[in-house]
Amino acid sequence: MGIIVLSFLVTAILVFSALFLLFRKIRSGKNPARDSRYWLTAIIATPIVYIGLLFTWFFFSSSYETKEFNKENWLEDQDTRYVYVDDLIDNEKLIGLTKCISKLVILQTSF
């Protein structure tokens, strides 16, 4: 919970600072902190930017490398088998096999 609050506060500080500089440049000679449009924009923009950053992080952290299915590598390294799943599904290499036979083909190294 603490990392969420901390990351939100950092995002808020960055958004408020960027908008402060932008409003100061647009309306030179006036203090943006006294302008209600600045506060409204900053309060609305902060959660939008934070959610956008979260979605971007989720998108990039959930993607993984895919490889063409290779039986030797499949048998050799059980920890990285997930990289071959997309190839098995996309190229329909298990089509026509029964569920039982498919499991035996995929899991034959467990025995």
PDB file of N, CA and C in Angstrom:
ATOM      1  N   MET A   1       0.821  -1.194   0.000  1.00  0.00           N
ATOM      2  CA  MET A   1       0.000   0.000   0.000  1.00  0.00           C
ATOM      3  C   MET A   1       0.865   1.258   0.000  1.00  0.00           C
ATOM      4  N   GLY A   2       1.995   1.171   0.679  1.00  0.00           N
ATOM      5  CA  GLY A   2       2.871   2.334   0.781  1.00  0.00           C
ATOM      6  C   GLY A   2       3.461   2.751  -0.543  1.00  0.00           C
ATOM      7  N   ILE A   3       3.800   1.772  -1.397  1.00  0.00           N
ATOM      8  CA  ILE A   3       4.394   2.103  -2.690  1.00  0.00           C
ATOM      9  C   ILE A   3       3.373   2.776  -3.596  1.00  0.00           C
ATOM     10  N   ILE A   4       2.098   2.409  -3.443  1.00  0.00           N
ATOM     11  CA  ILE A   4       1.046   3.027  -4.257  1.00  0.00           C
ATOM     12  C   ILE A   4       0.884   4.490  -3.873  1.00  0.00           C
ATOM     13  N   VAL A   5       0.843   4.749  -2.586  1.00  0.00           N
ATOM     14  CA  VAL A   5       0.700   6.127  -2.111  1.00  0.00           C
ATOM     15  C   VAL A   5       1.920   6.948  -2.510  1.00  0.00           C
ATOM     16  N   LEU A   6       3.099   6.379  -2.340  1.00  0.00           N
ATOM     17  CA  LEU A   6       4.322   7.094  -2.694  1.00  0.00           C
ATOM     18  C   LEU A   6       4.378   7.398  -4.190  1.00  0.00           C
ATOM     19  N   SER A   7       4.032   6.418  -5.017  1.00  0.00           N
ATOM     20  CA  SER A   7       4.069   6.660  -6.467  1.00  0.00           C
ATOM     21  C   SER A   7       3.012   7.681  -6.878  1.00  0.00           C
ATOM     22  N   PHE A   8       1.855   7.674  -6.213  1.00  0.00           N
ATOM     23  CA  PHE A   8       0.836   8.679  -6.514  1.00  0.00           C
ATOM     24  C   PHE A   8       1.322  10.075  -6.117  1.00  0.00           C
ATOM     25  N   LEU A   9       1.967  10.183  -4.963  1.00  0.00           N
ATOM     26  CA  LEU A   9       2.490  11.485  -4.531  1.00  0.00           C
ATOM     27  C   LEU A   9       3.574  12.004  -5.465  1.00  0.00           C
ATOM     28  N   VAL A  10       4.436  11.126  -5.923  1.00  0.00           N
ATOM     29  CA  VAL A  10       5.485  11.536  -6.866  1.00  0.00           C
ATOM     30  C   VAL A  10       4.842  12.004  -8.170  1.00  0.00           C
ATOM     31  N   THR A  11       3.842  11.259  -8.643  1.00  0.00           N
ATOM     32  CA  THR A  11       3.135  11.664  -9.855  1.00  0.00           C
ATOM     33  C   THR A  11       2.453  13.011  -9.654  1.00  0.00           C
ATOM     34  N   ALA A  12       1.824  13.206  -8.509  1.00  0.00           N
ATOM     35  CA  ALA A  12       1.147  14.474  -8.226  1.00  0.00           C
ATOM     36  C   ALA A  12       2.143  15.630  -8.215  1.00  0.00           C
ATOM     37  N   ILE A  13       3.284  15.434  -7.598  1.00  0.00           N
ATOM     38  CA  ILE A  13       4.298  16.491  -7.550  1.00  0.00           C
ATOM     39  C   ILE A  13       4.775  16.836  -8.957  1.00  0.00           C
ATOM     40  N   LEU A  14       5.014  15.814  -9.771  1.00  0.00           N
ATOM     41  CA  LEU A  14       5.457  16.068 -11.138  1.00  0.00           C
ATOM     42  C   LEU A  14       4.383  16.769 -11.974  1.00  0.00           C
ATOM     43  N   VAL A  15       3.139  16.344 -11.832  1.00  0.00           N
ATOM     44  CA  VAL A  15       2.045  16.971 -12.587  1.00  0.00           C
ATOM     45  C   VAL A  15       1.836  18.410 -12.133  1.00  0.00           C
ATOM     46  N   PHE A  16       1.792  18.638 -10.827  1.00  0.00           N
ATOM     47  CA  PHE A  16       1.600  19.992 -10.320  1.00  0.00           C
ATOM     48  C   PHE A  16       2.748  20.903 -10.747  1.00  0.00           C
ATOM     49  N   SER A  17       3.974  20.393 -10.712  1.00  0.00           N
ATOM     50  CA  SER A  17       5.129  21.208 -11.113  1.00  0.00           C
ATOM     51  C   SER A  17       5.086  21.537 -12.600  1.00  0.00           C
ATOM     52  N   ALA A  18       4.786  20.533 -13.424  1.00  0.00           N
ATOM     53  CA  ALA A  18       4.729  20.764 -14.867  1.00  0.00           C
ATOM     54  C   ALA A  18       3.617  21.751 -15.219  1.00  0.00           C
ATOM     55  N   LEU A  19       2.460  21.588 -14.605  1.00  0.00           N
ATOM     56  CA  LEU A  19       1.363  22.522 -14.872  1.00  0.00           C
ATOM     57  C   LEU A  19       1.655  23.918 -14.329  1.00  0.00           C
ATOM     58  N   PHE A  20       2.338  23.991 -13.200  1.00  0.00           N
ATOM     59  CA  PHE A  20       2.717  25.303 -12.654  1.00  0.00           C
ATOM     60  C   PHE A  20       3.598  26.047 -13.645  1.00  0.00           C
ATOM     61  N   LEU A  21       4.597  25.342 -14.175  1.00  0.00           N
ATOM     62  CA  LEU A  21       5.481  25.980 -15.145  1.00  0.00           C
ATOM     63  C   LEU A  21       4.745  26.346 -16.430  1.00  0.00           C
ATOM     64  N   LEU A  22       3.847  25.486 -16.860  1.00  0.00           N
ATOM     65  CA  LEU A  22       3.070  25.766 -18.064  1.00  0.00           C
ATOM     66  C   LEU A  22       2.162  26.976 -17.867  1.00  0.00           C
ATOM     67  N   PHE A  23       1.439  27.029 -16.753  1.00  0.00           N
ATOM     68  CA  PHE A  23       0.557  28.166 -16.486  1.00  0.00           C
ATOM     69  C   PHE A  23       1.353  29.447 -16.307  1.00  0.00           C
ATOM     70  N   ARG A  24       2.524  29.356 -15.689  1.00  0.00           N
ATOM     71  CA  ARG A  24       3.359  30.547 -15.500  1.00  0.00           C
ATOM     72  C   ARG A  24       3.854  31.079 -16.833  1.00  0.00           C
ATOM     73  N   LYS A  25       4.162  30.159 -17.765  1.00  0.00           N
ATOM     74  CA  LYS A  25       4.631  30.584 -19.087  1.00  0.00           C
ATOM     75  C   LYS A  25       3.490  31.196 -19.891  1.00  0.00           C
ATOM     76  N   ILE A  26       2.306  30.590 -19.806  1.00  0.00           N
ATOM     77  CA  ILE A  26       1.155  31.089 -20.567  1.00  0.00           C
ATOM     78  C   ILE A  26       0.702  32.454 -20.048  1.00  0.00           C
ATOM     79  N   ARG A  27       0.622  32.581 -18.742  1.00  0.00           N
ATOM     80  CA  ARG A  27       0.160  33.834 -18.129  1.00  0.00           C
ATOM     81  C   ARG A  27       1.306  34.467 -17.362  1.00  0.00           C
ATOM     82  N   SER A  28       2.260  34.991 -18.105  1.00  0.00           N
ATOM     83  CA  SER A  28       3.459  35.547 -17.464  1.00  0.00           C
ATOM     84  C   SER A  28       3.077  36.715 -16.558  1.00  0.00           C
ATOM     85  N   GLY A  29       3.769  36.782 -15.450  1.00  0.00           N
ATOM     86  CA  GLY A  29       3.538  37.854 -14.497  1.00  0.00           C
ATOM     87  C   GLY A  29       2.490  37.529 -13.448  1.00  0.00           C
ATOM     88  N   LYS A  30       1.781  36.415 -13.603  1.00  0.00           N
ATOM     89  CA  LYS A  30       0.758  36.057 -12.618  1.00  0.00           C
ATOM     90  C   LYS A  30       1.137  34.735 -11.954  1.00  0.00           C
ATOM     91  N   ASN A  31       0.825  34.628 -10.696  1.00  0.00           N
ATOM     92  CA  ASN A  31       1.119  33.423  -9.933  1.00  0.00           C
ATOM     93  C   ASN A  31       0.032  32.376 -10.198  1.00  0.00           C
ATOM     94  N   PRO A  32       0.403  31.233 -10.809  1.00  0.00           N
ATOM     95  CA  PRO A  32      -0.605  30.208 -11.112  1.00  0.00           C
ATOM     96  C   PRO A  32      -1.270  29.622  -9.875  1.00  0.00           C
ATOM     97  N   ALA A  33      -0.616  29.685  -8.721  1.00  0.00           N
ATOM     98  CA  ALA A  33      -1.175  29.114  -7.503  1.00  0.00           C
ATOM     99  C   ALA A  33      -2.436  29.848  -7.063  1.00  0.00           C
ATOM    100  N   ARG A  34      -2.638  31.044  -7.550  1.00  0.00           N
ATOM    101  CA  ARG A  34      -3.837  31.821  -7.199  1.00  0.00           C
ATOM    102  C   ARG A  34      -4.951  31.662  -8.225  1.00  0.00           C
ATOM    103  N   ASP A  35      -4.683  30.926  -9.270  1.00  0.00           N
ATOM    104  CA  ASP A  35      -5.664  30.727 -10.342  1.00  0.00           C
ATOM    105  C   ASP A  35      -6.421  29.422 -10.113  1.00  0.00           C
ATOM    106  N   SER A  36      -7.728  29.495 -10.046  1.00  0.00           N
ATOM    107  CA  SER A  36      -8.527  28.298  -9.786  1.00  0.00           C
ATOM    108  C   SER A  36      -8.454  27.308 -10.948  1.00  0.00           C
ATOM    109  N   ARG A  37      -8.217  27.794 -12.165  1.00  0.00           N
ATOM    110  CA  ARG A  37      -8.083  26.888 -13.312  1.00  0.00           C
ATOM    111  C   ARG A  37      -6.855  25.999 -13.174  1.00  0.00           C
ATOM    112  N   TYR A  38      -5.799  26.529 -12.598  1.00  0.00           N
ATOM    113  CA  TYR A  38      -4.586  25.729 -12.355  1.00  0.00           C
ATOM    114  C   TYR A  38      -4.897  24.574 -11.409  1.00  0.00           C
ATOM    115  N   TRP A  39      -5.533  24.883 -10.296  1.00  0.00           N
ATOM    116  CA  TRP A  39      -5.830  23.851  -9.302  1.00  0.00           C
ATOM    117  C   TRP A  39      -6.793  22.808  -9.853  1.00  0.00           C
ATOM    118  N   LEU A  40      -7.798  23.248 -10.571  1.00  0.00           N
ATOM    119  CA  LEU A  40      -8.760  22.320 -11.155  1.00  0.00           C
ATOM    120  C   LEU A  40      -8.091  21.403 -12.177  1.00  0.00           C
ATOM    121  N   THR A  41      -7.279  21.982 -13.025  1.00  0.00           N
ATOM    122  CA  THR A  41      -6.554  21.192 -14.029  1.00  0.00           C
ATOM    123  C   THR A  41      -5.605  20.205 -13.369  1.00  0.00           C
ATOM    124  N   ALA A  42      -4.880  20.645 -12.369  1.00  0.00           N
ATOM    125  CA  ALA A  42      -3.912  19.777 -11.694  1.00  0.00           C
ATOM    126  C   ALA A  42      -4.610  18.647 -10.942  1.00  0.00           C
ATOM    127  N   ILE A  43      -5.721  18.946 -10.294  1.00  0.00           N
ATOM    128  CA  ILE A  43      -6.440  17.915  -9.535  1.00  0.00           C
ATOM    129  C   ILE A  43      -7.057  16.883 -10.472  1.00  0.00           C
ATOM    130  N   ILE A  44      -7.536  17.307 -11.615  1.00  0.00           N
ATOM    131  CA  ILE A  44      -8.113  16.364 -12.585  1.00  0.00           C
ATOM    132  C   ILE A  44      -7.021  15.597 -13.325  1.00  0.00           C
ATOM    133  N   ALA A  45      -5.927  16.255 -13.648  1.00  0.00           N
ATOM    134  CA  ALA A  45      -4.870  15.629 -14.454  1.00  0.00           C
ATOM    135  C   ALA A  45      -4.062  14.595 -13.676  1.00  0.00           C
ATOM    136  N   THR A  46      -3.915  14.781 -12.381  1.00  0.00           N
ATOM    137  CA  THR A  46      -3.074  13.876 -11.596  1.00  0.00           C
ATOM    138  C   THR A  46      -3.555  12.426 -11.637  1.00  0.00           C
ATOM    139  N   PRO A  47      -4.814  12.115 -11.343  1.00  0.00           N
ATOM    140  CA  PRO A  47      -5.233  10.711 -11.425  1.00  0.00           C
ATOM    141  C   PRO A  47      -5.208  10.162 -12.845  1.00  0.00           C
ATOM    142  N   ILE A  48      -5.491  11.025 -13.824  1.00  0.00           N
ATOM    143  CA  ILE A  48      -5.462  10.565 -15.215  1.00  0.00           C
ATOM    144  C   ILE A  48      -4.050  10.160 -15.609  1.00  0.00           C
ATOM    145  N   VAL A  49      -3.074  10.971 -15.254  1.00  0.00           N
ATOM    146  CA  VAL A  49      -1.674  10.652 -15.566  1.00  0.00           C
ATOM    147  C   VAL A  49      -1.239   9.405 -14.794  1.00  0.00           C
ATOM    148  N   TYR A  50      -1.640   9.300 -13.534  1.00  0.00           N
ATOM    149  CA  TYR A  50      -1.266   8.148 -12.711  1.00  0.00           C
ATOM    150  C   TYR A  50      -1.831   6.854 -13.290  1.00  0.00           C
ATOM    151  N   ILE A  51      -3.096   6.852 -13.661  1.00  0.00           N
ATOM    152  CA  ILE A  51      -3.716   5.662 -14.244  1.00  0.00           C
ATOM    153  C   ILE A  51      -3.065   5.325 -15.583  1.00  0.00           C
ATOM    154  N   GLY A  52      -2.748   6.342 -16.371  1.00  0.00           N
ATOM    155  CA  GLY A  52      -2.047   6.109 -17.637  1.00  0.00           C
ATOM    156  C   GLY A  52      -0.684   5.463 -17.420  1.00  0.00           C
ATOM    157  N   LEU A  53       0.037   5.920 -16.414  1.00  0.00           N
ATOM    158  CA  LEU A  53       1.330   5.317 -16.098  1.00  0.00           C
ATOM    159  C   LEU A  53       1.180   3.877 -15.628  1.00  0.00           C
ATOM    160  N   LEU A  54       0.145   3.610 -14.821  1.00  0.00           N
ATOM    161  CA  LEU A  54      -0.099   2.240 -14.360  1.00  0.00           C
ATOM    162  C   LEU A  54      -0.418   1.304 -15.529  1.00  0.00           C
ATOM    163  N   PHE A  55      -1.299   1.747 -16.428  1.00  0.00           N
ATOM    164  CA  PHE A  55      -1.639   0.912 -17.579  1.00  0.00           C
ATOM    165  C   PHE A  55      -0.418   0.667 -18.463  1.00  0.00           C
ATOM    166  N   THR A  56       0.403   1.686 -18.639  1.00  0.00           N
ATOM    167  CA  THR A  56       1.628   1.527 -19.437  1.00  0.00           C
ATOM    168  C   THR A  56       2.547   0.516 -18.770  1.00  0.00           C
ATOM    169  N   TRP A  57       2.706   0.615 -17.461  1.00  0.00           N
ATOM    170  CA  TRP A  57       3.563  -0.317 -16.737  1.00  0.00           C
ATOM    171  C   TRP A  57       3.023  -1.746 -16.830  1.00  0.00           C
ATOM    172  N   PHE A  58       1.709  -1.920 -16.644  1.00  0.00           N
ATOM    173  CA  PHE A  58       1.104  -3.252 -16.751  1.00  0.00           C
ATOM    174  C   PHE A  58       1.288  -3.837 -18.141  1.00  0.00           C
ATOM    175  N   PHE A  59       1.132  -3.004 -19.155  1.00  0.00           N
ATOM    176  CA  PHE A  59       1.270  -3.474 -20.533  1.00  0.00           C
ATOM    177  C   PHE A  59       2.681  -3.994 -20.799  1.00  0.00           C
ATOM    178  N   PHE A  60       3.688  -3.226 -20.416  1.00  0.00           N
ATOM    179  CA  PHE A  60       5.063  -3.632 -20.698  1.00  0.00           C
ATOM    180  C   PHE A  60       5.555  -4.737 -19.770  1.00  0.00           C
ATOM    181  N   SER A  61       5.057  -4.794 -18.553  1.00  0.00           N
ATOM    182  CA  SER A  61       5.529  -5.829 -17.641  1.00  0.00           C
ATOM    183  C   SER A  61       4.863  -7.181 -17.887  1.00  0.00           C
ATOM    184  N   SER A  62       3.726  -7.188 -18.546  1.00  0.00           N
ATOM    185  CA  SER A  62       3.035  -8.453 -18.780  1.00  0.00           C
ATOM    186  C   SER A  62       3.405  -9.103 -20.103  1.00  0.00           C
ATOM    187  N   SER A  63       4.136  -8.410 -20.933  1.00  0.00           N
ATOM    188  CA  SER A  63       4.532  -9.017 -22.210  1.00  0.00           C
ATOM    189  C   SER A  63       5.795  -9.850 -22.001  1.00  0.00           C
ATOM    190  N   TYR A  64       5.914 -10.914 -22.770  1.00  0.00           N
ATOM    191  CA  TYR A  64       7.085 -11.765 -22.667  1.00  0.00           C
ATOM    192  C   TYR A  64       7.483 -12.242 -24.059  1.00  0.00           C
ATOM    193  N   GLU A  65       8.694 -12.707 -24.145  1.00  0.00           N
ATOM    194  CA  GLU A  65       9.242 -13.160 -25.408  1.00  0.00           C
ATOM    195  C   GLU A  65       8.557 -14.459 -25.835  1.00  0.00           C
ATOM    196  N   THR A  66       8.266 -14.559 -27.124  1.00  0.00           N
ATOM    197  CA  THR A  66       7.715 -15.806 -27.641  1.00  0.00           C
ATOM    198  C   THR A  66       8.734 -16.430 -28.586  1.00  0.00           C
ATOM    199  N   LYS A  67       8.794 -17.728 -28.578  1.00  0.00           N
ATOM    200  CA  LYS A  67       9.742 -18.451 -29.427  1.00  0.00           C
ATOM    201  C   LYS A  67       9.009 -19.545 -30.180  1.00  0.00           C
ATOM    202  N   GLU A  68       9.604 -19.957 -31.285  1.00  0.00           N
ATOM    203  CA  GLU A  68       9.059 -21.082 -32.025  1.00  0.00           C
ATOM    204  C   GLU A  68       9.311 -22.357 -31.216  1.00  0.00           C
ATOM    205  N   PHE A  69       8.320 -23.235 -31.236  1.00  0.00           N
ATOM    206  CA  PHE A  69       8.414 -24.447 -30.433  1.00  0.00           C
ATOM    207  C   PHE A  69       9.623 -25.280 -30.842  1.00  0.00           C
ATOM    208  N   ASN A  70      10.387 -25.689 -29.833  1.00  0.00           N
ATOM    209  CA  ASN A  70      11.571 -26.507 -30.053  1.00  0.00           C
ATOM    210  C   ASN A  70      11.535 -27.609 -28.991  1.00  0.00           C
ATOM    211  N   LYS A  71      11.415 -28.857 -29.441  1.00  0.00           N
ATOM    212  CA  LYS A  71      11.234 -29.972 -28.513  1.00  0.00           C
ATOM    213  C   LYS A  71      12.405 -30.114 -27.544  1.00  0.00           C
ATOM    214  N   GLU A  72      13.627 -29.934 -28.033  1.00  0.00           N
ATOM    215  CA  GLU A  72      14.804 -30.082 -27.165  1.00  0.00           C
ATOM    216  C   GLU A  72      14.799 -29.047 -26.053  1.00  0.00           C
ATOM    217  N   ASN A  73      14.504 -27.782 -26.411  1.00  0.00           N
ATOM    218  CA  ASN A  73      14.463 -26.735 -25.388  1.00  0.00           C
ATOM    219  C   ASN A  73      13.296 -26.931 -24.429  1.00  0.00           C
ATOM    220  N   TRP A  74      12.187 -27.444 -24.955  1.00  0.00           N
ATOM    221  CA  TRP A  74      11.018 -27.730 -24.116  1.00  0.00           C
ATOM    222  C   TRP A  74      11.367 -28.777 -23.053  1.00  0.00           C
ATOM    223  N   LEU A  75      12.074 -29.818 -23.473  1.00  0.00           N
ATOM    224  CA  LEU A  75      12.442 -30.884 -22.551  1.00  0.00           C
ATOM    225  C   LEU A  75      13.538 -30.443 -21.583  1.00  0.00           C
ATOM    226  N   GLU A  76      14.397 -29.572 -22.053  1.00  0.00           N
ATOM    227  CA  GLU A  76      15.571 -29.167 -21.297  1.00  0.00           C
ATOM    228  C   GLU A  76      15.256 -28.182 -20.159  1.00  0.00           C
ATOM    229  N   ASP A  77      14.433 -27.187 -20.453  1.00  0.00           N
ATOM    230  CA  ASP A  77      14.237 -26.096 -19.495  1.00  0.00           C
ATOM    231  C   ASP A  77      12.759 -25.925 -19.170  1.00  0.00           C
ATOM    232  N   GLN A  78      12.339 -26.450 -18.032  1.00  0.00           N
ATOM    233  CA  GLN A  78      10.936 -26.395 -17.651  1.00  0.00           C
ATOM    234  C   GLN A  78      10.500 -25.000 -17.209  1.00  0.00           C
ATOM    235  N   ASP A  79      11.436 -24.179 -16.749  1.00  0.00           N
ATOM    236  CA  ASP A  79      11.087 -22.855 -16.234  1.00  0.00           C
ATOM    237  C   ASP A  79      10.681 -21.864 -17.322  1.00  0.00           C
ATOM    238  N   THR A  80      11.114 -22.098 -18.551  1.00  0.00           N
ATOM    239  CA  THR A  80      10.804 -21.142 -19.622  1.00  0.00           C
ATOM    240  C   THR A  80       9.872 -21.721 -20.678  1.00  0.00           C
ATOM    241  N   ARG A  81       9.098 -22.701 -20.326  1.00  0.00           N
ATOM    242  CA  ARG A  81       8.173 -23.310 -21.287  1.00  0.00           C
ATOM    243  C   ARG A  81       7.082 -22.345 -21.743  1.00  0.00           C
ATOM    244  N   TYR A  82       6.752 -21.381 -20.911  1.00  0.00           N
ATOM    245  CA  TYR A  82       5.674 -20.454 -21.245  1.00  0.00           C
ATOM    246  C   TYR A  82       5.940 -19.684 -22.537  1.00  0.00           C
ATOM    247  N   VAL A  83       7.211 -19.522 -22.935  1.00  0.00           N
ATOM    248  CA  VAL A  83       7.514 -18.770 -24.156  1.00  0.00           C
ATOM    249  C   VAL A  83       7.113 -19.535 -25.414  1.00  0.00           C
ATOM    250  N   TYR A  84       6.868 -20.828 -25.301  1.00  0.00           N
ATOM    251  CA  TYR A  84       6.488 -21.631 -26.453  1.00  0.00           C
ATOM    252  C   TYR A  84       4.975 -21.789 -26.603  1.00  0.00           C
ATOM    253  N   VAL A  85       4.213 -21.392 -25.613  1.00  0.00           N
ATOM    254  CA  VAL A  85       2.771 -21.614 -25.630  1.00  0.00           C
ATOM    255  C   VAL A  85       2.105 -20.899 -26.799  1.00  0.00           C
ATOM    256  N   ASP A  86       2.474 -19.646 -27.050  1.00  0.00           N
ATOM    257  CA  ASP A  86       1.865 -18.905 -28.154  1.00  0.00           C
ATOM    258  C   ASP A  86       2.114 -19.594 -29.491  1.00  0.00           C
ATOM    259  N   ASP A  87       3.310 -20.128 -29.686  1.00  0.00           N
ATOM    260  CA  ASP A  87       3.606 -20.818 -30.939  1.00  0.00           C
ATOM    261  C   ASP A  87       2.762 -22.077 -31.075  1.00  0.00           C
ATOM    262  N   LEU A  88       2.596 -22.813 -29.995  1.00  0.00           N
ATOM    263  CA  LEU A  88       1.762 -24.022 -30.045  1.00  0.00           C
ATOM    264  C   LEU A  88       0.316 -23.687 -30.400  1.00  0.00           C
ATOM    265  N   ILE A  89      -0.188 -22.601 -29.842  1.00  0.00           N
ATOM    266  CA  ILE A  89      -1.577 -22.213 -30.092  1.00  0.00           C
ATOM    267  C   ILE A  89      -1.733 -21.610 -31.485  1.00  0.00           C
ATOM    268  N   ASP A  90      -0.857 -20.663 -31.843  1.00  0.00           N
ATOM    269  CA  ASP A  90      -0.979 -19.968 -33.127  1.00  0.00           C
ATOM    270  C   ASP A  90      -0.802 -20.894 -34.320  1.00  0.00           C
ATOM    271  N   ASN A  91       0.113 -21.824 -34.227  1.00  0.00           N
ATOM    272  CA  ASN A  91       0.385 -22.716 -35.358  1.00  0.00           C
ATOM    273  C   ASN A  91      -0.422 -24.012 -35.298  1.00  0.00           C
ATOM    274  N   GLU A  92      -1.325 -24.079 -34.337  1.00  0.00           N
ATOM    275  CA  GLU A  92      -2.259 -25.199 -34.220  1.00  0.00           C
ATOM    276  C   GLU A  92      -1.552 -26.555 -34.240  1.00  0.00           C
ATOM    277  N   LYS A  93      -0.457 -26.651 -33.525  1.00  0.00           N
ATOM    278  CA  LYS A  93       0.327 -27.886 -33.516  1.00  0.00           C
ATOM    279  C   LYS A  93      -0.329 -28.998 -32.711  1.00  0.00           C
ATOM    280  N   LEU A  94      -1.308 -28.664 -31.903  1.00  0.00           N
ATOM    281  CA  LEU A  94      -1.979 -29.676 -31.097  1.00  0.00           C
ATOM    282  C   LEU A  94      -3.386 -29.974 -31.611  1.00  0.00           C
ATOM    283  N   ILE A  95      -3.749 -29.362 -32.752  1.00  0.00           N
ATOM    284  CA  ILE A  95      -5.085 -29.584 -33.318  1.00  0.00           C
ATOM    285  C   ILE A  95      -5.202 -31.032 -33.781  1.00  0.00           C
ATOM    286  N   GLY A  96      -6.320 -31.660 -33.467  1.00  0.00           N
ATOM    287  CA  GLY A  96      -6.572 -33.035 -33.869  1.00  0.00           C
ATOM    288  C   GLY A  96      -6.183 -34.053 -32.821  1.00  0.00           C
ATOM    289  N   LEU A  97      -5.412 -33.643 -31.838  1.00  0.00           N
ATOM    290  CA  LEU A  97      -5.038 -34.558 -30.759  1.00  0.00           C
ATOM    291  C   LEU A  97      -6.094 -34.494 -29.668  1.00  0.00           C
ATOM    292  N   THR A  98      -6.335 -35.599 -29.031  1.00  0.00           N
ATOM    293  CA  THR A  98      -7.281 -35.586 -27.918  1.00  0.00           C
ATOM    294  C   THR A  98      -6.642 -34.870 -26.739  1.00  0.00           C
ATOM    295  N   LYS A  99      -7.472 -34.513 -25.798  1.00  0.00           N
ATOM    296  CA  LYS A  99      -6.986 -33.794 -24.622  1.00  0.00           C
ATOM    297  C   LYS A  99      -5.958 -34.624 -23.867  1.00  0.00           C
ATOM    298  N   CYS A 100      -6.211 -35.885 -23.747  1.00  0.00           N
ATOM    299  CA  CYS A 100      -5.311 -36.782 -23.024  1.00  0.00           C
ATOM    300  C   CYS A 100      -3.959 -36.881 -23.730  1.00  0.00           C
ATOM    301  N   ILE A 101      -3.979 -37.059 -25.045  1.00  0.00           N
ATOM    302  CA  ILE A 101      -2.730 -37.176 -25.812  1.00  0.00           C
ATOM    303  C   ILE A 101      -1.976 -35.849 -25.798  1.00  0.00           C
ATOM    304  N   SER A 102      -2.699 -34.725 -25.896  1.00  0.00           N
ATOM    305  CA  SER A 102      -2.051 -33.411 -25.850  1.00  0.00           C
ATOM    306  C   SER A 102      -1.309 -33.223 -24.535  1.00  0.00           C
ATOM    307  N   LYS A 103      -1.944 -33.614 -23.440  1.00  0.00           N
ATOM    308  CA  LYS A 103      -1.288 -33.491 -22.139  1.00  0.00           C
ATOM    309  C   LYS A 103      -0.067 -34.391 -22.063  1.00  0.00           C
ATOM    310  N   LEU A 104      -0.166 -35.588 -22.616  1.00  0.00           N
ATOM    311  CA  LEU A 104       0.982 -36.491 -22.598  1.00  0.00           C
ATOM    312  C   LEU A 104       2.132 -35.945 -23.434  1.00  0.00           C
ATOM    313  N   VAL A 105       1.818 -35.364 -24.585  1.00  0.00           N
ATOM    314  CA  VAL A 105       2.862 -34.793 -25.449  1.00  0.00           C
ATOM    315  C   VAL A 105       3.549 -33.637 -24.742  1.00  0.00           C
ATOM    316  N   ILE A 106       2.754 -32.777 -24.119  1.00  0.00           N
ATOM    317  CA  ILE A 106       3.322 -31.589 -23.471  1.00  0.00           C
ATOM    318  C   ILE A 106       4.024 -31.926 -22.159  1.00  0.00           C
ATOM    319  N   LEU A 107       3.467 -32.827 -21.395  1.00  0.00           N
ATOM    320  CA  LEU A 107       3.973 -33.113 -20.052  1.00  0.00           C
ATOM    321  C   LEU A 107       4.849 -34.359 -19.976  1.00  0.00           C
ATOM    322  N   GLN A 108       5.272 -34.900 -21.099  1.00  0.00           N
ATOM    323  CA  GLN A 108       6.014 -36.164 -21.077  1.00  0.00           C
ATOM    324  C   GLN A 108       7.328 -36.083 -20.305  1.00  0.00           C
ATOM    325  N   THR A 109       7.851 -34.877 -20.078  1.00  0.00           N
ATOM    326  CA  THR A 109       9.103 -34.731 -19.349  1.00  0.00           C
ATOM    327  C   THR A 109       8.912 -34.836 -17.850  1.00  0.00           C
ATOM    328  N   SER A 110       7.680 -34.755 -17.389  1.00  0.00           N
ATOM    329  CA  SER A 110       7.445 -34.811 -15.944  1.00  0.00           C
ATOM    330  C   SER A 110       7.624 -36.215 -15.383  1.00  0.00           C
ATOM    331  N   PHE A 111       7.637 -37.214 -16.243  1.00  0.00           N
ATOM    332  CA  PHE A 111       7.707 -38.606 -15.779  1.00  0.00           C
ATOM    333  C   PHE A 111       9.123 -39.135 -15.822  1.00  0.00           C
TER     334      PHE A 111
END
